[in-house]
N, C-alpha and C. Protein backbone atom coordinates (compact mmCIF):
# COMPACT_ATOMS: atom_id res chain seq x y z
N MET A 1 27.89 24.73 21.79
CA MET A 1 26.82 23.76 21.89
C MET A 1 25.47 24.49 21.80
N GLU A 2 24.58 23.98 20.98
CA GLU A 2 23.28 24.61 20.79
C GLU A 2 22.32 24.17 21.88
N THR A 3 21.68 25.16 22.49
CA THR A 3 20.66 24.87 23.49
C THR A 3 19.30 25.10 22.86
N GLU A 4 18.25 24.71 23.57
CA GLU A 4 16.89 24.93 23.09
C GLU A 4 16.64 26.41 22.88
N LEU A 5 17.19 27.26 23.75
CA LEU A 5 16.96 28.69 23.61
C LEU A 5 17.59 29.26 22.36
N ASN A 6 18.66 28.62 21.88
CA ASN A 6 19.28 29.11 20.65
C ASN A 6 18.35 28.97 19.46
N ARG A 7 17.35 28.11 19.58
CA ARG A 7 16.40 27.94 18.48
C ARG A 7 15.36 29.05 18.46
N ILE A 8 15.27 29.82 19.53
CA ILE A 8 14.32 30.92 19.57
C ILE A 8 14.97 32.12 18.88
N PRO A 9 14.34 32.64 17.84
CA PRO A 9 14.91 33.82 17.18
C PRO A 9 15.06 34.97 18.17
N LYS A 10 16.16 35.72 18.02
CA LYS A 10 16.44 36.82 18.95
C LYS A 10 15.29 37.81 19.04
N GLU A 11 14.56 38.03 17.93
CA GLU A 11 13.46 38.99 17.96
C GLU A 11 12.33 38.52 18.89
N ASP A 12 12.29 37.24 19.23
CA ASP A 12 11.26 36.74 20.13
C ASP A 12 11.63 36.90 21.60
N TYR A 13 12.89 37.20 21.91
CA TYR A 13 13.29 37.34 23.31
C TYR A 13 12.47 38.42 24.01
N LYS A 14 12.23 39.55 23.33
CA LYS A 14 11.46 40.62 23.95
C LYS A 14 10.05 40.15 24.28
N THR A 15 9.45 39.40 23.36
CA THR A 15 8.11 38.87 23.60
C THR A 15 8.13 37.94 24.80
N ILE A 16 9.13 37.09 24.87
CA ILE A 16 9.24 36.17 25.99
C ILE A 16 9.41 36.94 27.29
N GLU A 17 10.30 37.94 27.28
CA GLU A 17 10.53 38.73 28.48
C GLU A 17 9.26 39.46 28.90
N ALA A 18 8.52 39.98 27.94
CA ALA A 18 7.33 40.77 28.25
C ALA A 18 6.17 39.91 28.71
N ASN A 19 6.12 38.67 28.27
CA ASN A 19 4.94 37.85 28.51
C ASN A 19 5.21 36.59 29.32
N SER A 20 6.35 36.49 29.95
CA SER A 20 6.73 35.21 30.53
C SER A 20 6.45 35.07 32.02
N PHE A 21 5.68 35.96 32.59
CA PHE A 21 5.31 35.85 34.00
C PHE A 21 6.53 35.80 34.90
N SER A 22 7.54 36.60 34.57
CA SER A 22 8.80 36.70 35.31
C SER A 22 9.52 35.36 35.44
N LEU A 23 9.50 34.59 34.37
CA LEU A 23 10.24 33.33 34.35
C LEU A 23 11.70 33.63 34.07
N ASN A 24 12.60 32.85 34.65
CA ASN A 24 14.00 33.03 34.29
C ASN A 24 14.31 32.15 33.08
N ILE A 25 15.50 32.31 32.54
CA ILE A 25 15.87 31.61 31.31
C ILE A 25 15.74 30.10 31.46
N SER A 26 16.16 29.54 32.57
CA SER A 26 16.06 28.08 32.71
C SER A 26 14.60 27.64 32.73
N ASN A 27 13.71 28.46 33.32
CA ASN A 27 12.28 28.12 33.29
C ASN A 27 11.75 28.13 31.87
N ILE A 28 12.12 29.13 31.09
CA ILE A 28 11.66 29.21 29.71
C ILE A 28 12.17 28.00 28.93
N SER A 29 13.42 27.66 29.13
CA SER A 29 13.99 26.50 28.47
C SER A 29 13.24 25.23 28.86
N ASP A 30 12.90 25.09 30.14
CA ASP A 30 12.15 23.93 30.60
C ASP A 30 10.77 23.87 29.94
N ILE A 31 10.13 25.01 29.82
CA ILE A 31 8.81 25.06 29.20
C ILE A 31 8.90 24.65 27.73
N ILE A 32 9.89 25.18 27.03
CA ILE A 32 10.03 24.85 25.61
C ILE A 32 10.41 23.38 25.44
N ASN A 33 11.28 22.86 26.32
CA ASN A 33 11.61 21.44 26.27
C ASN A 33 10.36 20.60 26.53
N GLY A 34 9.55 21.01 27.50
CA GLY A 34 8.30 20.31 27.79
C GLY A 34 7.35 20.34 26.62
N PHE A 35 7.31 21.49 25.95
CA PHE A 35 6.47 21.61 24.75
C PHE A 35 6.99 20.70 23.65
N ASP A 36 8.29 20.81 23.36
CA ASP A 36 8.88 20.04 22.27
C ASP A 36 8.71 18.55 22.47
N TYR A 37 8.87 18.08 23.67
CA TYR A 37 8.82 16.64 23.88
C TYR A 37 7.48 16.19 24.44
N ASP A 38 7.15 16.64 25.64
CA ASP A 38 5.95 16.12 26.32
C ASP A 38 4.67 16.44 25.57
N PHE A 39 4.47 17.71 25.26
CA PHE A 39 3.21 18.10 24.62
C PHE A 39 3.06 17.43 23.26
N LEU A 40 4.07 17.58 22.40
CA LEU A 40 3.95 17.05 21.04
C LEU A 40 3.84 15.53 21.04
N THR A 41 4.58 14.86 21.92
CA THR A 41 4.49 13.40 22.01
C THR A 41 3.07 12.98 22.39
N LYS A 42 2.54 13.62 23.43
CA LYS A 42 1.18 13.29 23.87
C LYS A 42 0.14 13.64 22.80
N HIS A 43 0.36 14.78 22.13
CA HIS A 43 -0.60 15.19 21.10
C HIS A 43 -0.72 14.11 20.01
N TYR A 44 0.41 13.60 19.56
CA TYR A 44 0.36 12.60 18.50
C TYR A 44 -0.06 11.22 19.02
N GLN A 45 0.26 10.91 20.28
CA GLN A 45 -0.20 9.65 20.86
C GLN A 45 -1.72 9.62 20.99
N ARG A 46 -2.31 10.74 21.36
CA ARG A 46 -3.76 10.82 21.56
C ARG A 46 -4.51 10.51 20.28
N ARG A 47 -3.92 10.80 19.14
CA ARG A 47 -4.57 10.57 17.86
C ARG A 47 -4.75 9.08 17.57
N LYS A 48 -3.98 8.24 18.25
CA LYS A 48 -4.08 6.80 18.04
C LYS A 48 -5.20 6.18 18.87
N LEU A 49 -5.75 6.97 19.78
CA LEU A 49 -6.80 6.47 20.67
C LEU A 49 -8.18 6.85 20.14
N LEU A 50 -9.17 6.06 20.48
CA LEU A 50 -10.54 6.38 20.08
C LEU A 50 -10.97 7.70 20.70
N GLU A 51 -11.86 8.39 20.02
CA GLU A 51 -12.26 9.74 20.44
C GLU A 51 -12.80 9.80 21.87
N ASN A 52 -13.54 8.79 22.30
CA ASN A 52 -14.12 8.83 23.64
C ASN A 52 -13.32 8.00 24.66
N ASP A 53 -12.12 7.59 24.31
CA ASP A 53 -11.26 6.85 25.22
C ASP A 53 -10.85 7.77 26.38
N PRO A 54 -11.03 7.33 27.63
CA PRO A 54 -10.67 8.17 28.78
C PRO A 54 -9.21 8.63 28.76
N LYS A 55 -8.30 7.80 28.23
CA LYS A 55 -6.88 8.19 28.14
C LYS A 55 -6.73 9.38 27.19
N ARG A 56 -7.44 9.33 26.07
CA ARG A 56 -7.37 10.43 25.10
C ARG A 56 -7.93 11.72 25.71
N ILE A 57 -9.05 11.61 26.37
CA ILE A 57 -9.69 12.77 26.98
C ILE A 57 -8.76 13.40 28.03
N LYS A 58 -8.11 12.55 28.82
CA LYS A 58 -7.17 13.04 29.84
C LYS A 58 -5.99 13.76 29.19
N ILE A 59 -5.42 13.17 28.16
CA ILE A 59 -4.29 13.79 27.46
C ILE A 59 -4.70 15.14 26.89
N GLU A 60 -5.86 15.19 26.27
CA GLU A 60 -6.32 16.43 25.65
C GLU A 60 -6.51 17.53 26.69
N LYS A 61 -7.09 17.18 27.83
CA LYS A 61 -7.29 18.18 28.89
C LYS A 61 -5.96 18.64 29.46
N GLU A 62 -5.03 17.72 29.69
CA GLU A 62 -3.71 18.08 30.21
C GLU A 62 -2.97 18.97 29.22
N ASN A 63 -3.01 18.62 27.94
CA ASN A 63 -2.35 19.43 26.93
C ASN A 63 -2.95 20.82 26.85
N ARG A 64 -4.26 20.90 26.90
CA ARG A 64 -4.92 22.20 26.83
C ARG A 64 -4.54 23.07 28.03
N GLU A 65 -4.46 22.47 29.20
CA GLU A 65 -4.05 23.23 30.39
C GLU A 65 -2.61 23.74 30.25
N PHE A 66 -1.72 22.91 29.72
CA PHE A 66 -0.33 23.33 29.48
C PHE A 66 -0.33 24.53 28.53
N LEU A 67 -1.06 24.43 27.43
CA LEU A 67 -1.10 25.50 26.45
C LEU A 67 -1.69 26.78 27.03
N LYS A 68 -2.76 26.62 27.79
CA LYS A 68 -3.41 27.78 28.41
C LYS A 68 -2.46 28.49 29.36
N LYS A 69 -1.67 27.73 30.07
CA LYS A 69 -0.75 28.31 31.06
C LYS A 69 0.44 29.02 30.40
N TYR A 70 0.93 28.49 29.28
CA TYR A 70 2.19 28.98 28.72
C TYR A 70 2.08 29.60 27.33
N TRP A 71 0.89 29.90 26.84
CA TRP A 71 0.75 30.36 25.47
C TRP A 71 1.50 31.66 25.18
N LYS A 72 1.78 32.46 26.18
CA LYS A 72 2.47 33.73 25.97
C LYS A 72 3.99 33.57 25.88
N VAL A 73 4.50 32.41 26.22
CA VAL A 73 5.94 32.23 26.32
C VAL A 73 6.62 32.06 24.96
N TYR A 74 5.98 31.36 24.03
CA TYR A 74 6.66 30.98 22.79
C TYR A 74 5.64 30.92 21.67
N LYS A 75 6.01 31.42 20.50
CA LYS A 75 5.06 31.55 19.40
C LYS A 75 4.45 30.22 18.94
N LEU A 76 5.17 29.12 19.05
CA LEU A 76 4.59 27.83 18.66
C LEU A 76 3.58 27.33 19.68
N ILE A 77 3.79 27.68 20.95
CA ILE A 77 2.80 27.32 21.96
C ILE A 77 1.53 28.14 21.73
N THR A 78 1.70 29.40 21.35
CA THR A 78 0.56 30.26 21.03
C THR A 78 -0.23 29.65 19.88
N TYR A 79 0.47 29.20 18.84
CA TYR A 79 -0.19 28.57 17.69
C TYR A 79 -0.98 27.33 18.13
N TRP A 80 -0.34 26.46 18.90
CA TRP A 80 -1.00 25.22 19.29
C TRP A 80 -2.19 25.47 20.21
N TYR A 81 -2.12 26.49 21.05
CA TYR A 81 -3.28 26.83 21.89
C TYR A 81 -4.43 27.28 20.99
N GLY A 82 -4.11 28.08 20.00
CA GLY A 82 -5.15 28.46 19.03
C GLY A 82 -5.74 27.25 18.34
N TYR A 83 -4.90 26.30 17.97
CA TYR A 83 -5.36 25.08 17.31
C TYR A 83 -6.32 24.30 18.21
N TYR A 84 -5.95 24.14 19.48
CA TYR A 84 -6.82 23.41 20.42
C TYR A 84 -8.14 24.13 20.61
N LEU A 85 -8.12 25.46 20.70
CA LEU A 85 -9.36 26.22 20.85
C LEU A 85 -10.20 26.14 19.57
N ASN A 86 -9.56 26.22 18.44
CA ASN A 86 -10.26 26.18 17.15
C ASN A 86 -10.95 24.83 16.94
N GLU A 87 -10.29 23.77 17.33
CA GLU A 87 -10.82 22.42 17.12
C GLU A 87 -11.66 21.91 18.29
N GLY A 88 -11.62 22.62 19.40
CA GLY A 88 -12.36 22.17 20.58
C GLY A 88 -11.71 20.97 21.24
N ILE A 89 -10.40 20.87 21.17
CA ILE A 89 -9.67 19.74 21.77
C ILE A 89 -9.47 20.01 23.26
N GLY A 90 -9.91 19.09 24.09
CA GLY A 90 -9.73 19.21 25.53
C GLY A 90 -10.66 20.21 26.19
N GLY A 91 -11.65 20.69 25.47
CA GLY A 91 -12.59 21.66 26.01
C GLY A 91 -13.46 22.24 24.90
N GLU A 92 -14.13 23.32 25.21
CA GLU A 92 -15.04 23.96 24.25
C GLU A 92 -14.26 24.68 23.15
N LYS A 93 -14.88 24.77 21.99
CA LYS A 93 -14.34 25.60 20.92
C LYS A 93 -14.46 27.06 21.29
N ASN A 94 -13.49 27.85 20.86
CA ASN A 94 -13.54 29.29 21.03
C ASN A 94 -12.90 29.91 19.79
N MET A 95 -13.71 30.12 18.78
CA MET A 95 -13.21 30.59 17.49
C MET A 95 -12.62 32.00 17.57
N LYS A 96 -13.20 32.85 18.38
CA LYS A 96 -12.71 34.23 18.49
C LYS A 96 -11.31 34.24 19.07
N GLU A 97 -11.13 33.55 20.19
CA GLU A 97 -9.82 33.50 20.82
C GLU A 97 -8.82 32.77 19.92
N ALA A 98 -9.27 31.69 19.27
CA ALA A 98 -8.39 30.96 18.34
C ALA A 98 -7.90 31.88 17.24
N SER A 99 -8.81 32.65 16.68
CA SER A 99 -8.45 33.59 15.61
C SER A 99 -7.40 34.59 16.09
N ASP A 100 -7.60 35.13 17.30
CA ASP A 100 -6.63 36.09 17.86
C ASP A 100 -5.26 35.44 18.05
N LEU A 101 -5.24 34.21 18.55
CA LEU A 101 -3.97 33.51 18.76
C LEU A 101 -3.29 33.16 17.44
N PHE A 102 -4.07 32.72 16.46
CA PHE A 102 -3.49 32.44 15.14
C PHE A 102 -2.88 33.70 14.54
N LYS A 103 -3.57 34.84 14.69
CA LYS A 103 -3.04 36.09 14.15
C LYS A 103 -1.73 36.46 14.83
N GLN A 104 -1.68 36.33 16.17
CA GLN A 104 -0.44 36.63 16.88
C GLN A 104 0.72 35.77 16.38
N SER A 105 0.47 34.48 16.22
CA SER A 105 1.51 33.56 15.73
C SER A 105 1.84 33.84 14.27
N ALA A 106 0.81 34.14 13.49
CA ALA A 106 1.03 34.43 12.07
C ALA A 106 1.93 35.65 11.90
N ASP A 107 1.71 36.65 12.74
CA ASP A 107 2.53 37.86 12.67
C ASP A 107 3.96 37.62 13.13
N LYS A 108 4.22 36.45 13.72
CA LYS A 108 5.57 36.05 14.11
C LYS A 108 6.10 34.97 13.17
N ASN A 109 5.51 34.89 11.98
CA ASN A 109 5.97 34.01 10.90
C ASN A 109 5.85 32.52 11.18
N VAL A 110 4.77 32.10 11.83
CA VAL A 110 4.49 30.67 11.99
C VAL A 110 3.59 30.29 10.80
N PRO A 111 4.13 29.53 9.83
CA PRO A 111 3.38 29.24 8.60
C PRO A 111 2.02 28.58 8.82
N GLY A 112 1.93 27.64 9.75
CA GLY A 112 0.64 26.99 10.03
C GLY A 112 -0.38 27.99 10.53
N ALA A 113 0.06 28.92 11.35
CA ALA A 113 -0.85 29.95 11.87
C ALA A 113 -1.26 30.90 10.75
N GLN A 114 -0.34 31.22 9.85
CA GLN A 114 -0.67 32.09 8.72
C GLN A 114 -1.77 31.47 7.87
N LEU A 115 -1.65 30.18 7.60
CA LEU A 115 -2.65 29.48 6.80
C LEU A 115 -3.99 29.41 7.54
N ARG A 116 -3.96 29.01 8.78
CA ARG A 116 -5.22 28.88 9.54
C ARG A 116 -5.90 30.23 9.73
N TYR A 117 -5.12 31.27 10.00
CA TYR A 117 -5.71 32.59 10.16
C TYR A 117 -6.35 33.06 8.85
N ALA A 118 -5.67 32.81 7.73
CA ALA A 118 -6.22 33.19 6.43
C ALA A 118 -7.58 32.53 6.21
N PHE A 119 -7.69 31.26 6.50
CA PHE A 119 -8.95 30.56 6.25
C PHE A 119 -10.02 30.91 7.29
N LEU A 120 -9.61 31.31 8.49
CA LEU A 120 -10.61 31.80 9.44
C LEU A 120 -11.21 33.12 8.95
N LEU A 121 -10.39 33.91 8.26
CA LEU A 121 -10.91 35.16 7.68
C LEU A 121 -11.99 34.87 6.64
N LEU A 122 -11.84 33.78 5.91
CA LEU A 122 -12.84 33.41 4.91
C LEU A 122 -14.17 33.04 5.54
N LYS A 123 -14.13 32.50 6.75
CA LYS A 123 -15.36 32.08 7.42
C LYS A 123 -16.20 33.28 7.88
N LYS A 124 -15.53 34.42 8.04
CA LYS A 124 -16.25 35.63 8.44
C LYS A 124 -16.96 36.19 7.20
N ASN A 125 -17.84 37.15 7.42
CA ASN A 125 -18.37 37.91 6.29
C ASN A 125 -17.21 38.69 5.71
N ILE A 126 -16.73 38.25 4.57
CA ILE A 126 -15.50 38.81 4.05
C ILE A 126 -15.74 40.15 3.35
N SER A 127 -15.02 41.15 3.81
CA SER A 127 -15.07 42.47 3.19
C SER A 127 -13.85 42.60 2.29
N LYS A 128 -13.74 43.71 1.59
CA LYS A 128 -12.59 43.93 0.72
C LYS A 128 -11.30 43.91 1.55
N ASN A 129 -11.36 44.53 2.74
CA ASN A 129 -10.19 44.58 3.61
C ASN A 129 -9.82 43.17 4.09
N ASP A 130 -10.83 42.36 4.47
CA ASP A 130 -10.56 40.98 4.89
C ASP A 130 -10.01 40.16 3.74
N ASN A 131 -10.50 40.41 2.53
CA ASN A 131 -10.01 39.70 1.35
C ASN A 131 -8.53 39.99 1.14
N GLU A 132 -8.14 41.25 1.29
CA GLU A 132 -6.73 41.60 1.15
C GLU A 132 -5.89 40.94 2.24
N GLU A 133 -6.45 40.89 3.46
CA GLU A 133 -5.74 40.25 4.56
C GLU A 133 -5.64 38.74 4.34
N PHE A 134 -6.70 38.13 3.80
CA PHE A 134 -6.67 36.70 3.45
C PHE A 134 -5.52 36.43 2.49
N ILE A 135 -5.44 37.21 1.43
CA ILE A 135 -4.38 37.02 0.43
C ILE A 135 -3.00 37.24 1.06
N LYS A 136 -2.89 38.25 1.91
CA LYS A 136 -1.61 38.54 2.58
C LYS A 136 -1.13 37.34 3.39
N TYR A 137 -2.00 36.80 4.25
CA TYR A 137 -1.58 35.70 5.12
C TYR A 137 -1.42 34.39 4.36
N LEU A 138 -2.23 34.16 3.36
CA LEU A 138 -2.08 32.96 2.54
C LEU A 138 -0.74 33.01 1.79
N THR A 139 -0.41 34.17 1.25
CA THR A 139 0.87 34.35 0.55
C THR A 139 2.04 34.16 1.51
N GLN A 140 1.94 34.73 2.71
CA GLN A 140 3.01 34.55 3.70
C GLN A 140 3.20 33.07 4.04
N ALA A 141 2.09 32.36 4.21
CA ALA A 141 2.18 30.93 4.52
C ALA A 141 2.91 30.19 3.41
N ALA A 142 2.57 30.48 2.17
CA ALA A 142 3.23 29.84 1.03
C ALA A 142 4.71 30.22 0.98
N ASP A 143 4.99 31.50 1.16
CA ASP A 143 6.38 31.96 1.13
C ASP A 143 7.22 31.36 2.25
N ASN A 144 6.57 31.02 3.36
CA ASN A 144 7.27 30.42 4.49
C ASN A 144 7.28 28.91 4.46
N GLY A 145 6.88 28.33 3.33
CA GLY A 145 7.03 26.89 3.14
C GLY A 145 5.83 26.03 3.50
N ASN A 146 4.67 26.62 3.73
CA ASN A 146 3.49 25.79 4.02
C ASN A 146 2.98 25.25 2.69
N TYR A 147 3.14 23.96 2.47
CA TYR A 147 2.80 23.37 1.18
C TYR A 147 1.30 23.39 0.90
N LYS A 148 0.48 23.48 1.94
CA LYS A 148 -0.97 23.53 1.72
C LYS A 148 -1.41 24.89 1.18
N ALA A 149 -0.60 25.92 1.44
CA ALA A 149 -0.95 27.27 0.96
C ALA A 149 -0.74 27.34 -0.54
């Protein structure tokens, strides 16, 4: 029988162990289940509400707190925390931290993070080295199935 943890690639176990605040396996599974269901459900529900609706604001703040607390546990949570920081959802924008989080997720083969990190590189004063990195991450995103790349 497949569990939620079976969906985590084995190469990510070390990252989880190193960054999980001494969580045991059932805690990690609970966090990922909470992310898969609670966070994503709320994230998409909030989009149906008006921007200044108190319910939307509450959901965004709760989601951001969840992401802030658990971003080190799983590469998709890291990506989504970067997304919230990049877009200023549930709080202030933080482009520097978002860029760092996108890079971490991109280096773990999250296609959305690869694409977003590539385009954040374009926003900087692009040097030859940044240009090569832009092409590298954009290519990885395309190779990993991101249709926008």
